[in-house]
């Protein structure tokens, strides 16, 4: 069961990294096209700034999943690093549990806003792009992060228990 779950996670991580990279490349491409248009042809793309911003939001919230899986997010843990190993493990577990709860609560509270944006078909000013898409990245990204941290904790615990038995 754990092996299958880890295979699914690895596949999802590959997808998330690729999708984040594609969004970043698209943002850079739009920026380049806008620069070329503005300085060589005196024509700028009116919707470029908005779409680049939306692409970056997607890039950040899709890329945050792999970061949280590998436990490489920015942490203020200098004091924790000075603690004995058992205390450090307990504090790391508490920090991960607090992260999961916080991320899920933020995703829960963001959901009604997303539903309203979809119901009222709110759109951006310059690009006329549905705002529900970039705004939905917040609860989606936070949920992905919470699920990946939970799976990481569960699989680490099982791996540690399995190693103690052998």
Protein backbone atom coordinates (compact mmCIF):
# COMPACT_ATOMS: atom_id res chain seq x y z
CA UNK A 1 0.00 0.00 0.00
CA UNK A 2 2.76 2.44 0.96
CA UNK A 3 4.69 1.66 -2.22
CA UNK A 4 1.64 2.39 -4.37
CA UNK A 5 1.00 5.65 -2.50
CA UNK A 6 4.62 6.72 -2.99
CA UNK A 7 4.40 5.91 -6.72
CA UNK A 8 1.30 8.11 -7.00
CA UNK A 9 3.06 10.91 -5.11
CA UNK A 10 6.17 10.66 -7.30
CA UNK A 11 4.01 10.82 -10.43
CA UNK A 12 2.12 13.82 -9.09
CA UNK A 13 5.36 15.56 -8.12
CA UNK A 14 6.69 15.10 -11.65
CA UNK A 15 3.45 16.55 -13.01
CA UNK A 16 3.50 19.51 -10.59
CA UNK A 17 7.13 20.35 -11.36
CA UNK A 18 6.49 20.13 -15.10
CA UNK A 19 3.32 22.23 -14.91
CA UNK A 20 5.07 24.89 -12.78
CA UNK A 21 7.95 24.97 -15.25
CA UNK A 22 5.58 25.33 -18.21
CA UNK A 23 3.75 28.20 -16.50
CA UNK A 24 7.06 29.92 -15.79
CA UNK A 25 8.22 29.45 -19.39
CA UNK A 26 4.92 30.86 -20.67
CA UNK A 27 5.28 33.87 -18.38
CA UNK A 28 8.82 34.51 -19.61
CA UNK A 29 7.66 34.09 -23.23
CA UNK A 30 4.86 36.63 -22.80
CA UNK A 31 7.28 39.02 -21.13
CA UNK A 32 9.79 38.61 -23.97
CA UNK A 33 7.10 39.14 -26.61
CA UNK A 34 5.92 42.25 -24.79
CA UNK A 35 9.47 43.63 -24.60
CA UNK A 36 10.08 42.97 -28.30
CA UNK A 37 6.75 44.50 -29.22
CA UNK A 38 7.25 47.55 -27.04
CA UNK A 39 10.82 48.44 -27.97
CA UNK A 40 11.01 47.32 -31.59
CA UNK A 41 7.47 47.90 -32.83
CA UNK A 42 6.10 50.44 -30.29
CA UNK A 43 3.22 48.07 -29.54
CA UNK A 44 2.67 46.51 -26.13
CA UNK A 45 0.41 43.63 -25.20
CA UNK A 46 -2.35 45.12 -23.04
CA UNK A 47 -3.09 41.93 -21.14
CA UNK A 48 0.51 40.77 -20.63
CA UNK A 49 1.00 41.98 -17.05
CA UNK A 50 -2.21 40.36 -15.80
CA UNK A 51 -1.60 37.03 -17.47
CA UNK A 52 2.03 36.94 -16.33
CA UNK A 53 0.86 37.56 -12.77
CA UNK A 54 -1.72 34.77 -13.02
CA UNK A 55 0.88 32.40 -14.48
CA UNK A 56 3.25 33.19 -11.62
CA UNK A 57 0.53 32.51 -9.05
CA UNK A 58 -0.04 29.11 -10.65
CA UNK A 59 3.70 28.46 -10.80
CA UNK A 60 4.16 29.27 -7.11
CA UNK A 61 1.24 27.24 -5.81
CA UNK A 62 1.98 24.22 -8.01
CA UNK A 63 5.68 24.41 -7.18
CA UNK A 64 4.99 24.64 -3.45
CA UNK A 65 3.79 21.02 -3.36
CA UNK A 66 7.16 19.50 -4.28
CA UNK A 67 8.89 21.92 -1.90
CA UNK A 68 6.69 20.87 1.02
CA UNK A 69 7.11 17.18 0.12
CA UNK A 70 10.89 17.48 0.33
CA UNK A 71 10.60 19.61 3.51
CA UNK A 72 12.68 22.39 1.96
CA UNK A 73 10.44 25.35 2.75
CA UNK A 74 11.86 28.31 4.62
CA UNK A 75 11.83 27.53 8.32
CA UNK A 76 12.91 29.47 11.36
CA UNK A 77 14.48 26.46 13.04
CA UNK A 78 17.81 27.65 14.44
CA UNK A 79 16.62 27.01 18.01
CA UNK A 80 15.07 23.68 17.03
CA UNK A 81 18.38 22.63 15.47
CA UNK A 82 20.09 23.09 18.84
CA UNK A 83 17.68 20.73 20.61
CA UNK A 84 18.38 17.05 21.33
CA UNK A 85 17.24 14.69 18.51
CA UNK A 86 14.07 13.47 20.27
CA UNK A 87 12.92 17.01 21.08
CA UNK A 88 13.78 18.12 17.53
CA UNK A 89 11.70 15.27 16.08
CA UNK A 90 8.75 16.18 18.31
CA UNK A 91 8.97 19.87 17.36
CA UNK A 92 9.26 18.98 13.67
CA UNK A 93 6.16 16.79 14.00
CA UNK A 94 4.25 19.57 15.76
CA UNK A 95 5.32 22.10 13.10
CA UNK A 96 4.15 19.76 10.32
CA UNK A 97 0.84 19.14 12.11
CA UNK A 98 0.33 22.89 12.58
CA UNK A 99 1.15 23.42 8.90
CA UNK A 100 -1.41 20.83 7.80
CA UNK A 101 -4.15 22.34 9.97
CA UNK A 102 -3.33 25.91 8.89
CA UNK A 103 -3.18 25.04 5.18
CA UNK A 104 -6.48 23.16 5.29
CA UNK A 105 -8.20 25.97 7.22
CA UNK A 106 -6.97 28.57 4.72
CA UNK A 107 -8.15 26.38 1.84
CA UNK A 108 -11.52 25.94 3.56
CA UNK A 109 -11.96 29.68 4.15
CA UNK A 110 -10.90 30.52 0.57
CA UNK A 111 -13.43 28.16 -1.00
CA UNK A 112 -16.53 30.43 -0.62
CA UNK A 113 -14.64 33.27 -2.32
CA UNK A 114 -13.75 30.97 -5.20
CA UNK A 115 -17.37 29.85 -5.48
CA UNK A 116 -18.54 33.48 -5.61
CA UNK A 117 -16.00 34.34 -8.30
CA UNK A 118 -17.27 31.42 -10.37
CA UNK A 119 -20.94 32.18 -9.73
CA UNK A 120 -20.61 35.84 -10.72
CA UNK A 121 -18.19 35.12 -13.58
CA UNK A 122 -15.74 37.75 -12.31
CA UNK A 123 -13.08 38.58 -14.91
CA UNK A 124 -9.82 40.50 -14.98
CA UNK A 125 -9.87 43.99 -16.45
CA UNK A 126 -7.25 43.86 -19.20
CA UNK A 127 -7.32 40.21 -20.26
CA UNK A 128 -10.99 39.45 -19.51
CA UNK A 129 -9.70 36.24 -17.92
CA UNK A 130 -11.90 34.39 -15.38
CA UNK A 131 -10.55 35.29 -11.93
CA UNK A 132 -11.69 31.98 -10.52
CA UNK A 133 -8.73 30.26 -12.21
CA UNK A 134 -5.82 32.08 -10.55
CA UNK A 135 -7.71 32.54 -7.29
CA UNK A 136 -8.47 28.81 -7.12
CA UNK A 137 -4.75 28.12 -7.09
CA UNK A 138 -4.61 29.24 -3.45
CA UNK A 139 -6.86 26.54 -1.96
CA UNK A 140 -5.66 23.98 -4.52
CA UNK A 141 -2.01 24.66 -3.75
CA UNK A 142 -2.52 24.71 0.01
CA UNK A 143 -4.51 21.46 -0.12
CA UNK A 144 -1.81 19.81 -2.22
CA UNK A 145 0.82 20.94 0.26
CA UNK A 146 -1.17 19.69 3.27
CA UNK A 147 -1.84 16.31 1.65
CA UNK A 148 1.80 15.86 0.64
CA UNK A 149 3.07 16.76 4.12
CA UNK A 150 0.58 14.31 5.65
CA UNK A 151 1.64 11.55 3.26
CA UNK A 152 5.30 12.32 3.96
CA UNK A 153 4.67 12.03 7.70
CA UNK A 154 2.74 8.78 7.32
CA UNK A 155 5.29 7.16 5.04
CA UNK A 156 8.23 8.31 7.20
CA UNK A 157 6.56 6.84 10.28
CA UNK A 158 5.96 3.53 8.53
CA UNK A 159 9.50 3.43 7.17
CA UNK A 160 10.89 4.15 10.65
CA UNK A 161 8.67 1.45 12.22
CA UNK A 162 9.66 -1.06 9.53
CA UNK A 163 13.37 -0.34 10.06
CA UNK A 164 13.06 -0.90 13.82
CA UNK A 165 11.51 -4.33 13.27
CA UNK A 166 14.35 -5.58 11.07
